[in-house]
Amino acid sequence: AEGVDILQAALARDRLGEFQAQAAIAALHADAPTAAETDWVQ
């Protein structure tokens, strides 16, 4: 939850960089209740 909050605040400033992109991928994995529900398209 802390990682997602920090990431969302950074992304809101609209200055995307590689670490923010990597964190977004990690957040999508963390957000999936199960592996089968992972949003692979995103």
PDB file of all heavy atoms in Angstrom:
ATOM      1  N   ALA A   1       0.831  -1.207   0.000  1.00  0.00           N
ATOM      2  CA  ALA A   1       0.000   0.000   0.000  1.00  0.00           C
ATOM      3  C   ALA A   1       0.868   1.261   0.000  1.00  0.00           C
ATOM      4  O   ALA A   1       0.573   2.225  -0.724  1.00  0.00           O
ATOM      5  CB  ALA A   1      -0.925  -0.003   1.218  1.00  0.00           C
ATOM      6  N   GLU A   2       1.940   1.231   0.779  1.00  0.00           N
ATOM      7  CA  GLU A   2       2.830   2.386   0.800  1.00  0.00           C
ATOM      8  C   GLU A   2       3.474   2.596  -0.568  1.00  0.00           C
ATOM      9  O   GLU A   2       3.544   3.727  -1.077  1.00  0.00           O
ATOM     10  CB  GLU A   2       3.915   2.202   1.861  1.00  0.00           C
ATOM     11  CG  GLU A   2       4.857   3.395   1.951  1.00  0.00           C
ATOM     12  CD  GLU A   2       6.041   3.169   2.883  1.00  0.00           C
ATOM     13  OE1 GLU A   2       6.194   2.044   3.413  1.00  0.00           O
ATOM     14  OE2 GLU A   2       6.830   4.125   3.065  1.00  0.00           O
ATOM     15  N   GLY A   3       3.942   1.503  -1.177  1.00  0.00           N
ATOM     16  CA  GLY A   3       4.569   1.600  -2.494  1.00  0.00           C
ATOM     17  C   GLY A   3       3.611   2.136  -3.542  1.00  0.00           C
ATOM     18  O   GLY A   3       3.980   2.982  -4.362  1.00  0.00           O
ATOM     19  N   VAL A   4       2.368   1.663  -3.512  1.00  0.00           N
ATOM     20  CA  VAL A   4       1.368   2.118  -4.492  1.00  0.00           C
ATOM     21  C   VAL A   4       1.066   3.603  -4.292  1.00  0.00           C
ATOM     22  O   VAL A   4       0.959   4.374  -5.262  1.00  0.00           O
ATOM     23  CB  VAL A   4       0.084   1.277  -4.385  1.00  0.00           C
ATOM     24  CG1 VAL A   4      -1.053   1.894  -5.193  1.00  0.00           C
ATOM     25  CG2 VAL A   4       0.357  -0.154  -4.864  1.00  0.00           C
ATOM     26  N   ASP A   5       0.932   4.032  -3.035  1.00  0.00           N
ATOM     27  CA  ASP A   5       0.647   5.449  -2.758  1.00  0.00           C
ATOM     28  C   ASP A   5       1.780   6.343  -3.269  1.00  0.00           C
ATOM     29  O   ASP A   5       1.537   7.391  -3.887  1.00  0.00           O
ATOM     30  CB  ASP A   5       0.460   5.663  -1.257  1.00  0.00           C
ATOM     31  CG  ASP A   5      -0.868   5.117  -0.754  1.00  0.00           C
ATOM     32  OD1 ASP A   5      -1.751   4.834  -1.590  1.00  0.00           O
ATOM     33  OD2 ASP A   5      -1.013   4.967   0.478  1.00  0.00           O
ATOM     34  N   ILE A   6       3.024   5.941  -3.010  1.00  0.00           N
ATOM     35  CA  ILE A   6       4.177   6.727  -3.465  1.00  0.00           C
ATOM     36  C   ILE A   6       4.206   6.791  -4.984  1.00  0.00           C
ATOM     37  O   ILE A   6       4.449   7.845  -5.587  1.00  0.00           O
ATOM     38  CB  ILE A   6       5.480   6.124  -2.911  1.00  0.00           C
ATOM     39  CG1 ILE A   6       5.545   6.295  -1.398  1.00  0.00           C
ATOM     40  CG2 ILE A   6       6.708   6.757  -3.573  1.00  0.00           C
ATOM     41  CD1 ILE A   6       6.679   5.528  -0.737  1.00  0.00           C
ATOM     42  N   LEU A   7       3.932   5.644  -5.626  1.00  0.00           N
ATOM     43  CA  LEU A   7       3.944   5.590  -7.092  1.00  0.00           C
ATOM     44  C   LEU A   7       2.859   6.479  -7.690  1.00  0.00           C
ATOM     45  O   LEU A   7       3.112   7.231  -8.639  1.00  0.00           O
ATOM     46  CB  LEU A   7       3.764   4.151  -7.561  1.00  0.00           C
ATOM     47  CG  LEU A   7       3.581   3.954  -9.071  1.00  0.00           C
ATOM     48  CD1 LEU A   7       4.825   4.413  -9.818  1.00  0.00           C
ATOM     49  CD2 LEU A   7       3.257   2.509  -9.398  1.00  0.00           C
ATOM     50  N   GLN A   8       1.650   6.403  -7.161  1.00  0.00           N
ATOM     51  CA  GLN A   8       0.542   7.191  -7.709  1.00  0.00           C
ATOM     52  C   GLN A   8       0.824   8.688  -7.602  1.00  0.00           C
ATOM     53  O   GLN A   8       0.528   9.454  -8.531  1.00  0.00           O
ATOM     54  CB  GLN A   8      -0.752   6.825  -6.988  1.00  0.00           C
ATOM     55  CG  GLN A   8      -1.289   5.450  -7.368  1.00  0.00           C
ATOM     56  CD  GLN A   8      -2.538   5.064  -6.603  1.00  0.00           C
ATOM     57  OE1 GLN A   8      -2.829   5.628  -5.539  1.00  0.00           O
ATOM     58  NE2 GLN A   8      -3.282   4.106  -7.137  1.00  0.00           N
ATOM     59  N   ALA A   9       1.436   9.097  -6.486  1.00  0.00           N
ATOM     60  CA  ALA A   9       1.775  10.514  -6.325  1.00  0.00           C
ATOM     61  C   ALA A   9       2.816  10.946  -7.355  1.00  0.00           C
ATOM     62  O   ALA A   9       2.751  12.057  -7.903  1.00  0.00           O
ATOM     63  CB  ALA A   9       2.283  10.769  -4.908  1.00  0.00           C
ATOM     64  N   ALA A  10       3.775  10.060  -7.636  1.00  0.00           N
ATOM     65  CA  ALA A  10       4.812  10.382  -8.628  1.00  0.00           C
ATOM     66  C   ALA A  10       4.220  10.432 -10.038  1.00  0.00           C
ATOM     67  O   ALA A  10       4.503  11.355 -10.814  1.00  0.00           O
ATOM     68  CB  ALA A  10       5.941   9.359  -8.560  1.00  0.00           C
ATOM     69  N   LEU A  11       3.397   9.443 -10.389  1.00  0.00           N
ATOM     70  CA  LEU A  11       2.807   9.405 -11.729  1.00  0.00           C
ATOM     71  C   LEU A  11       1.894  10.600 -11.973  1.00  0.00           C
ATOM     72  O   LEU A  11       1.766  11.061 -13.114  1.00  0.00           O
ATOM     73  CB  LEU A  11       2.023   8.103 -11.916  1.00  0.00           C
ATOM     74  CG  LEU A  11       2.845   6.813 -11.997  1.00  0.00           C
ATOM     75  CD1 LEU A  11       1.923   5.595 -12.051  1.00  0.00           C
ATOM     76  CD2 LEU A  11       3.785   6.820 -13.195  1.00  0.00           C
ATOM     77  N   ALA A  12       1.281  11.103 -10.918  1.00  0.00           N
ATOM     78  CA  ALA A  12       0.365  12.237 -11.071  1.00  0.00           C
ATOM     79  C   ALA A  12       1.092  13.493 -11.538  1.00  0.00           C
ATOM     80  O   ALA A  12       0.465  14.401 -12.091  1.00  0.00           O
ATOM     81  CB  ALA A  12      -0.347  12.507  -9.746  1.00  0.00           C
ATOM     82  N   ARG A  13       2.411  13.547 -11.344  1.00  0.00           N
ATOM     83  CA  ARG A  13       3.181  14.719 -11.766  1.00  0.00           C
ATOM     84  C   ARG A  13       3.559  14.636 -13.245  1.00  0.00           C
ATOM     85  O   ARG A  13       4.183  15.554 -13.776  1.00  0.00           O
ATOM     86  CB  ARG A  13       4.415  14.889 -10.872  1.00  0.00           C
ATOM     87  CG  ARG A  13       4.037  15.143  -9.412  1.00  0.00           C
ATOM     88  CD  ARG A  13       5.173  15.757  -8.614  1.00  0.00           C
ATOM     89  NE  ARG A  13       6.227  14.811  -8.279  1.00  0.00           N
ATOM     90  CZ  ARG A  13       6.226  14.045  -7.191  1.00  0.00           C
ATOM     91  NH1 ARG A  13       5.218  14.106  -6.324  1.00  0.00           N
ATOM     92  NH2 ARG A  13       7.227  13.219  -6.937  1.00  0.00           N
ATOM     93  N   ASP A  14       3.205  13.511 -13.889  1.00  0.00           N
ATOM     94  CA  ASP A  14       3.317  13.353 -15.343  1.00  0.00           C
ATOM     95  C   ASP A  14       4.734  13.598 -15.873  1.00  0.00           C
ATOM     96  O   ASP A  14       4.932  14.286 -16.870  1.00  0.00           O
ATOM     97  CB  ASP A  14       2.325  14.279 -16.046  1.00  0.00           C
ATOM     98  CG  ASP A  14       2.066  13.845 -17.491  1.00  0.00           C
ATOM     99  OD1 ASP A  14       2.281  12.660 -17.790  1.00  0.00           O
ATOM    100  OD2 ASP A  14       1.676  14.691 -18.307  1.00  0.00           O
ATOM    101  N   ARG A  15       5.721  13.022 -15.195  1.00  0.00           N
ATOM    102  CA  ARG A  15       7.109  13.066 -15.680  1.00  0.00           C
ATOM    103  C   ARG A  15       7.659  11.651 -15.579  1.00  0.00           C
ATOM    104  O   ARG A  15       8.480  11.344 -14.727  1.00  0.00           O
ATOM    105  CB  ARG A  15       7.944  14.057 -14.859  1.00  0.00           C
ATOM    106  CG  ARG A  15       7.457  15.500 -14.980  1.00  0.00           C
ATOM    107  CD  ARG A  15       8.323  16.459 -14.190  1.00  0.00           C
ATOM    108  NE  ARG A  15       9.703  16.465 -14.671  1.00  0.00           N
ATOM    109  CZ  ARG A  15      10.682  17.184 -14.098  1.00  0.00           C
ATOM    110  NH1 ARG A  15      10.428  17.919 -13.036  1.00  0.00           N
ATOM    111  NH2 ARG A  15      11.900  17.148 -14.590  1.00  0.00           N
ATOM    112  N   LEU A  16       7.180  10.805 -16.479  1.00  0.00           N
ATOM    113  CA  LEU A  16       7.466   9.374 -16.401  1.00  0.00           C
ATOM    114  C   LEU A  16       8.946   9.084 -16.627  1.00  0.00           C
ATOM    115  O   LEU A  16       9.588   9.658 -17.501  1.00  0.00           O
ATOM    116  CB  LEU A  16       6.638   8.619 -17.444  1.00  0.00           C
ATOM    117  CG  LEU A  16       6.753   7.095 -17.422  1.00  0.00           C
ATOM    118  CD1 LEU A  16       6.227   6.531 -16.113  1.00  0.00           C
ATOM    119  CD2 LEU A  16       6.006   6.493 -18.602  1.00  0.00           C
ATOM    120  N   GLY A  17       9.469   8.160 -15.807  1.00  0.00           N
ATOM    121  CA  GLY A  17      10.831   7.669 -15.961  1.00  0.00           C
ATOM    122  C   GLY A  17      10.846   6.163 -15.813  1.00  0.00           C
ATOM    123  O   GLY A  17       9.824   5.541 -15.498  1.00  0.00           O
ATOM    124  N   GLU A  18      12.009   5.574 -16.020  1.00  0.00           N
ATOM    125  CA  GLU A  18      12.080   4.108 -16.054  1.00  0.00           C
ATOM    126  C   GLU A  18      11.727   3.456 -14.720  1.00  0.00           C
ATOM    127  O   GLU A  18      11.095   2.401 -14.690  1.00  0.00           O
ATOM    128  CB  GLU A  18      13.476   3.648 -16.500  1.00  0.00           C
ATOM    129  CG  GLU A  18      14.612   4.020 -15.575  1.00  0.00           C
ATOM    130  CD  GLU A  18      15.909   3.328 -15.968  1.00  0.00           C
ATOM    131  OE1 GLU A  18      15.956   2.088 -15.945  1.00  0.00           O
ATOM    132  OE2 GLU A  18      16.874   4.039 -16.292  1.00  0.00           O
ATOM    133  N   PHE A  19      12.099   4.075 -13.586  1.00  0.00           N
ATOM    134  CA  PHE A  19      11.793   3.448 -12.305  1.00  0.00           C
ATOM    135  C   PHE A  19      10.298   3.508 -12.010  1.00  0.00           C
ATOM    136  O   PHE A  19       9.732   2.582 -11.422  1.00  0.00           O
ATOM    137  CB  PHE A  19      12.601   4.105 -11.188  1.00  0.00           C
ATOM    138  CG  PHE A  19      14.080   3.850 -11.288  1.00  0.00           C
ATOM    139  CD1 PHE A  19      14.976   4.898 -11.288  1.00  0.00           C
ATOM    140  CD2 PHE A  19      14.567   2.559 -11.401  1.00  0.00           C
ATOM    141  CE1 PHE A  19      16.347   4.661 -11.396  1.00  0.00           C
ATOM    142  CE2 PHE A  19      15.930   2.308 -11.513  1.00  0.00           C
ATOM    143  CZ  PHE A  19      16.826   3.371 -11.512  1.00  0.00           C
ATOM    144  N   GLN A  20       9.638   4.585 -12.428  1.00  0.00           N
ATOM    145  CA  GLN A  20       8.187   4.650 -12.267  1.00  0.00           C
ATOM    146  C   GLN A  20       7.503   3.580 -13.120  1.00  0.00           C
ATOM    147  O   GLN A  20       6.538   2.950 -12.677  1.00  0.00           O
ATOM    148  CB  GLN A  20       7.683   6.037 -12.663  1.00  0.00           C
ATOM    149  CG  GLN A  20       8.150   7.162 -11.758  1.00  0.00           C
ATOM    150  CD  GLN A  20       7.838   8.516 -12.356  1.00  0.00           C
ATOM    151  OE1 GLN A  20       6.686   8.941 -12.352  1.00  0.00           O
ATOM    152  NE2 GLN A  20       8.855   9.191 -12.890  1.00  0.00           N
ATOM    153  N   ALA A  21       8.014   3.366 -14.342  1.00  0.00           N
ATOM    154  CA  ALA A  21       7.428   2.340 -15.212  1.00  0.00           C
ATOM    155  C   ALA A  21       7.612   0.949 -14.603  1.00  0.00           C
ATOM    156  O   ALA A  21       6.681   0.128 -14.610  1.00  0.00           O
ATOM    157  CB  ALA A  21       8.060   2.407 -16.600  1.00  0.00           C
ATOM    158  N   GLN A  22       8.795   0.681 -14.080  1.00  0.00           N
ATOM    159  CA  GLN A  22       9.026  -0.617 -13.432  1.00  0.00           C
ATOM    160  C   GLN A  22       8.131  -0.790 -12.218  1.00  0.00           C
ATOM    161  O   GLN A  22       7.607  -1.878 -11.961  1.00  0.00           O
ATOM    162  CB  GLN A  22      10.487  -0.742 -13.018  1.00  0.00           C
ATOM    163  CG  GLN A  22      11.454  -0.943 -14.168  1.00  0.00           C
ATOM    164  CD  GLN A  22      12.828  -1.337 -13.677  1.00  0.00           C
ATOM    165  OE1 GLN A  22      12.984  -2.315 -12.952  1.00  0.00           O
ATOM    166  NE2 GLN A  22      13.836  -0.582 -14.055  1.00  0.00           N
ATOM    167  N   ALA A  23       7.972   0.286 -11.448  1.00  0.00           N
ATOM    168  CA  ALA A  23       7.125   0.210 -10.257  1.00  0.00           C
ATOM    169  C   ALA A  23       5.669  -0.035 -10.648  1.00  0.00           C
ATOM    170  O   ALA A  23       4.940  -0.752  -9.947  1.00  0.00           O
ATOM    171  CB  ALA A  23       7.251   1.495  -9.444  1.00  0.00           C
ATOM    172  N   ALA A  24       5.227   0.554 -11.766  1.00  0.00           N
ATOM    173  CA  ALA A  24       3.849   0.338 -12.226  1.00  0.00           C
ATOM    174  C   ALA A  24       3.620  -1.136 -12.556  1.00  0.00           C
ATOM    175  O   ALA A  24       2.553  -1.696 -12.261  1.00  0.00           O
ATOM    176  CB  ALA A  24       3.559   1.217 -13.442  1.00  0.00           C
ATOM    177  N   ILE A  25       4.614  -1.778 -13.159  1.00  0.00           N
ATOM    178  CA  ILE A  25       4.510  -3.212 -13.469  1.00  0.00           C
ATOM    179  C   ILE A  25       4.421  -4.018 -12.175  1.00  0.00           C
ATOM    180  O   ILE A  25       3.579  -4.912 -12.031  1.00  0.00           O
ATOM    181  CB  ILE A  25       5.716  -3.660 -14.318  1.00  0.00           C
ATOM    182  CG1 ILE A  25       5.658  -2.986 -15.697  1.00  0.00           C
ATOM    183  CG2 ILE A  25       5.748  -5.181 -14.453  1.00  0.00           C
ATOM    184  CD1 ILE A  25       6.947  -3.113 -16.495  1.00  0.00           C
ATOM    185  N   ALA A  26       5.295  -3.681 -11.213  1.00  0.00           N
ATOM    186  CA  ALA A  26       5.277  -4.383  -9.928  1.00  0.00           C
ATOM    187  C   ALA A  26       3.947  -4.182  -9.206  1.00  0.00           C
ATOM    188  O   ALA A  26       3.427  -5.102  -8.562  1.00  0.00           O
ATOM    189  CB  ALA A  26       6.432  -3.899  -9.049  1.00  0.00           C
ATOM    190  N   ALA A  27       3.378  -2.970  -9.329  1.00  0.00           N
ATOM    191  CA  ALA A  27       2.099  -2.684  -8.673  1.00  0.00           C
ATOM    192  C   ALA A  27       0.965  -3.519  -9.275  1.00  0.00           C
ATOM    193  O   ALA A  27       0.068  -3.977  -8.558  1.00  0.00           O
ATOM    194  CB  ALA A  27       1.786  -1.194  -8.786  1.00  0.00           C
ATOM    195  N   LEU A  28       0.999  -3.726 -10.580  1.00  0.00           N
ATOM    196  CA  LEU A  28      -0.033  -4.545 -11.219  1.00  0.00           C
ATOM    197  C   LEU A  28       0.044  -5.998 -10.748  1.00  0.00           C
ATOM    198  O   LEU A  28      -0.983  -6.661 -10.556  1.00  0.00           O
ATOM    199  CB  LEU A  28       0.106  -4.464 -12.742  1.00  0.00           C
ATOM    200  CG  LEU A  28      -0.375  -3.149 -13.365  1.00  0.00           C
ATOM    201  CD1 LEU A  28       0.106  -3.028 -14.808  1.00  0.00           C
ATOM    202  CD2 LEU A  28      -1.897  -3.048 -13.305  1.00  0.00           C
ATOM    203  N   HIS A  29       1.261  -6.504 -10.564  1.00  0.00           N
ATOM    204  CA  HIS A  29       1.409  -7.856 -10.001  1.00  0.00           C
ATOM    205  C   HIS A  29       0.872  -7.901  -8.579  1.00  0.00           C
ATOM    206  O   HIS A  29       0.170  -8.841  -8.179  1.00  0.00           O
ATOM    207  CB  HIS A  29       2.879  -8.280 -10.027  1.00  0.00           C
ATOM    208  CG  HIS A  29       3.369  -8.695 -11.372  1.00  0.00           C
ATOM    209  ND1 HIS A  29       2.857  -9.784 -12.046  1.00  0.00           N
ATOM    210  CD2 HIS A  29       4.345  -8.179 -12.170  1.00  0.00           C
ATOM    211  CE1 HIS A  29       3.490  -9.925 -13.209  1.00  0.00           C
ATOM    212  NE2 HIS A  29       4.389  -8.966 -13.307  1.00  0.00           N
ATOM    213  N   ALA A  30       1.216  -6.862  -7.794  1.00  0.00           N
ATOM    214  CA  ALA A  30       0.806  -6.838  -6.391  1.00  0.00           C
ATOM    215  C   ALA A  30      -0.701  -6.684  -6.244  1.00  0.00           C
ATOM    216  O   ALA A  30      -1.291  -7.149  -5.252  1.00  0.00           O
ATOM    217  CB  ALA A  30       1.520  -5.695  -5.661  1.00  0.00           C
ATOM    218  N   ASP A  31      -1.335  -6.053  -7.215  1.00  0.00           N
ATOM    219  CA  ASP A  31      -2.772  -5.767  -7.140  1.00  0.00           C
ATOM    220  C   ASP A  31      -3.629  -6.977  -7.491  1.00  0.00           C
ATOM    221  O   ASP A  31      -4.817  -7.024  -7.144  1.00  0.00           O
ATOM    222  CB  ASP A  31      -3.100  -4.607  -8.084  1.00  0.00           C
ATOM    223  CG  ASP A  31      -4.517  -4.103  -7.913  1.00  0.00           C
ATOM    224  OD1 ASP A  31      -4.887  -3.792  -6.772  1.00  0.00           O
ATOM    225  OD2 ASP A  31      -5.248  -4.017  -8.918  1.00  0.00           O
ATOM    226  N   ALA A  32      -3.039  -7.959  -8.176  1.00  0.00           N
ATOM    227  CA  ALA A  32      -3.820  -9.120  -8.621  1.00  0.00           C
ATOM    228  C   ALA A  32      -4.076 -10.067  -7.447  1.00  0.00           C
ATOM    229  O   ALA A  32      -3.123 -10.540  -6.820  1.00  0.00           O
ATOM    230  CB  ALA A  32      -3.081  -9.855  -9.730  1.00  0.00           C
ATOM    231  N   PRO A  33      -5.352 -10.385  -7.138  1.00  0.00           N
ATOM    232  CA  PRO A  33      -5.638 -11.308  -6.030  1.00  0.00           C
ATOM    233  C   PRO A  33      -5.046 -12.699  -6.263  1.00  0.00           C
ATOM    234  O   PRO A  33      -4.644 -13.384  -5.326  1.00  0.00           O
ATOM    235  CB  PRO A  33      -7.168 -11.356  -6.006  1.00  0.00           C
ATOM    236  CG  PRO A  33      -7.621 -10.116  -6.710  1.00  0.00           C
ATOM    237  CD  PRO A  33      -6.577  -9.848  -7.755  1.00  0.00           C
ATOM    238  N   THR A  34      -5.015 -13.122  -7.534  1.00  0.00           N
ATOM    239  CA  THR A  34      -4.417 -14.406  -7.898  1.00  0.00           C
ATOM    240  C   THR A  34      -3.587 -14.205  -9.167  1.00  0.00           C
ATOM    241  O   THR A  34      -3.763 -13.210  -9.879  1.00  0.00           O
ATOM    242  CB  THR A  34      -5.488 -15.472  -8.184  1.00  0.00           C
ATOM    243  OG1 THR A  34      -6.237 -15.086  -9.342  1.00  0.00           O
ATOM    244  CG2 THR A  34      -6.422 -15.638  -7.003  1.00  0.00           C
ATOM    245  N   ALA A  35      -2.721 -15.162  -9.444  1.00  0.00           N
ATOM    246  CA  ALA A  35      -1.906 -15.065 -10.653  1.00  0.00           C
ATOM    247  C   ALA A  35      -2.776 -15.032 -11.900  1.00  0.00           C
ATOM    248  O   ALA A  35      -2.478 -14.321 -12.866  1.00  0.00           O
ATOM    249  CB  ALA A  35      -0.934 -16.243 -10.716  1.00  0.00           C
ATOM    250  N   ALA A  36      -3.881 -15.789 -11.883  1.00  0.00           N
ATOM    251  CA  ALA A  36      -4.766 -15.860 -13.050  1.00  0.00           C
ATOM    252  C   ALA A  36      -5.459 -14.527 -13.330  1.00  0.00           C
ATOM    253  O   ALA A  36      -5.892 -14.276 -14.462  1.00  0.00           O
ATOM    254  CB  ALA A  36      -5.810 -16.947 -12.844  1.00  0.00           C
ATOM    255  N   GLU A  37      -5.556 -13.674 -12.315  1.00  0.00           N
ATOM    256  CA  GLU A  37      -6.251 -12.388 -12.472  1.00  0.00           C
ATOM    257  C   GLU A  37      -5.293 -11.241 -12.790  1.00  0.00           C
ATOM    258  O   GLU A  37      -5.705 -10.085 -12.804  1.00  0.00           O
ATOM    259  CB  GLU A  37      -7.035 -12.071 -11.199  1.00  0.00           C
ATOM    260  CG  GLU A  37      -8.165 -13.051 -10.916  1.00  0.00           C
ATOM    261  CD  GLU A  37      -8.804 -12.818  -9.561  1.00  0.00           C
ATOM    262  OE1 GLU A  37      -9.736 -11.982  -9.479  1.00  0.00           O
ATOM    263  OE2 GLU A  37      -8.379 -13.460  -8.583  1.00  0.00           O
ATOM    264  N   THR A  38      -4.042 -11.553 -13.067  1.00  0.00           N
ATOM    265  CA  THR A  38      -3.067 -10.520 -13.403  1.00  0.00           C
ATOM    266  C   THR A  38      -3.447  -9.834 -14.712  1.00  0.00           C
ATOM    267  O   THR A  38      -3.804 -10.490 -15.688  1.00  0.00           O
ATOM    268  CB  THR A  38      -1.660 -11.136 -13.549  1.00  0.00           C
ATOM    269  OG1 THR A  38      -1.316 -11.808 -12.336  1.00  0.00           O
ATOM    270  CG2 THR A  38      -0.625 -10.058 -13.825  1.00  0.00           C
ATOM    271  N   ASP A  39      -3.361  -8.506 -14.723  1.00  0.00           N
ATOM    272  CA  ASP A  39      -3.716  -7.731 -15.917  1.00  0.00           C
ATOM    273  C   ASP A  39      -2.504  -7.671 -16.848  1.00  0.00           C
ATOM    274  O   ASP A  39      -1.780  -6.677 -16.911  1.00  0.00           O
ATOM    275  CB  ASP A  39      -4.146  -6.318 -15.506  1.00  0.00           C
ATOM    276  CG  ASP A  39      -4.728  -5.526 -16.675  1.00  0.00           C
ATOM    277  OD1 ASP A  39      -4.543  -5.945 -17.831  1.00  0.00           O
ATOM    278  OD2 ASP A  39      -5.360  -4.484 -16.431  1.00  0.00           O
ATOM    279  N   TRP A  40      -2.308  -8.758 -17.616  1.00  0.00           N
ATOM    280  CA  TRP A  40      -1.122  -8.852 -18.468  1.00  0.00           C
ATOM    281  C   TRP A  40      -1.157  -7.861 -19.626  1.00  0.00           C
ATOM    282  O   TRP A  40      -0.104  -7.401 -20.076  1.00  0.00           O
ATOM    283  CB  TRP A  40      -0.983 -10.282 -18.998  1.00  0.00           C
ATOM    284  CG  TRP A  40      -0.493 -11.232 -17.952  1.00  0.00           C
ATOM    285  CD1 TRP A  40      -1.213 -12.191 -17.307  1.00  0.00           C
ATOM    286  CD2 TRP A  40       0.836 -11.297 -17.418  1.00  0.00           C
ATOM    287  NE1 TRP A  40      -0.422 -12.857 -16.403  1.00  0.00           N
ATOM    288  CE2 TRP A  40       0.841 -12.339 -16.456  1.00  0.00           C
ATOM    289  CE3 TRP A  40       2.014 -10.598 -17.651  1.00  0.00           C
ATOM    290  CZ2 TRP A  40       1.980 -12.682 -15.726  1.00  0.00           C
ATOM    291  CZ3 TRP A  40       3.152 -10.934 -16.934  1.00  0.00           C
ATOM    292  CH2 TRP A  40       3.137 -11.956 -15.985  1.00  0.00           C
ATOM    293  N   VAL A  41      -2.337  -7.524 -20.114  1.00  0.00           N
ATOM    294  CA  VAL A  41      -2.417  -6.554 -21.216  1.00  0.00           C
ATOM    295  C   VAL A  41      -1.838  -5.214 -20.775  1.00  0.00           C
ATOM    296  O   VAL A  41      -1.043  -4.584 -21.494  1.00  0.00           O
ATOM    297  CB  VAL A  41      -3.872  -6.390 -21.697  1.00  0.00           C
ATOM    298  CG1 VAL A  41      -3.985  -5.249 -22.699  1.00  0.00           C
ATOM    299  CG2 VAL A  41      -4.379  -7.695 -22.309  1.00  0.00           C
ATOM    300  N   GLN A  42      -2.213  -4.777 -19.578  1.00  0.00           N
ATOM    301  CA  GLN A  42      -1.694  -3.507 -19.080  1.00  0.00           C
ATOM    302  C   GLN A  42      -0.198  -3.614 -18.762  1.00  0.00           C
ATOM    303  O   GLN A  42       0.553  -2.654 -18.964  1.00  0.00           O
ATOM    304  CB  GLN A  42      -2.477  -3.064 -17.834  1.00  0.00           C
ATOM    305  CG  GLN A  42      -2.262  -1.595 -17.513  1.00  0.00           C
ATOM    306  CD  GLN A  42      -3.154  -1.087 -16.404  1.00  0.00           C
ATOM    307  OE1 GLN A  42      -2.912  -0.015 -15.868  1.00  0.00           O
ATOM    308  NE2 GLN A  42      -4.181  -1.835 -16.032  1.00  0.00           N
TER     309      GLN A  42
END
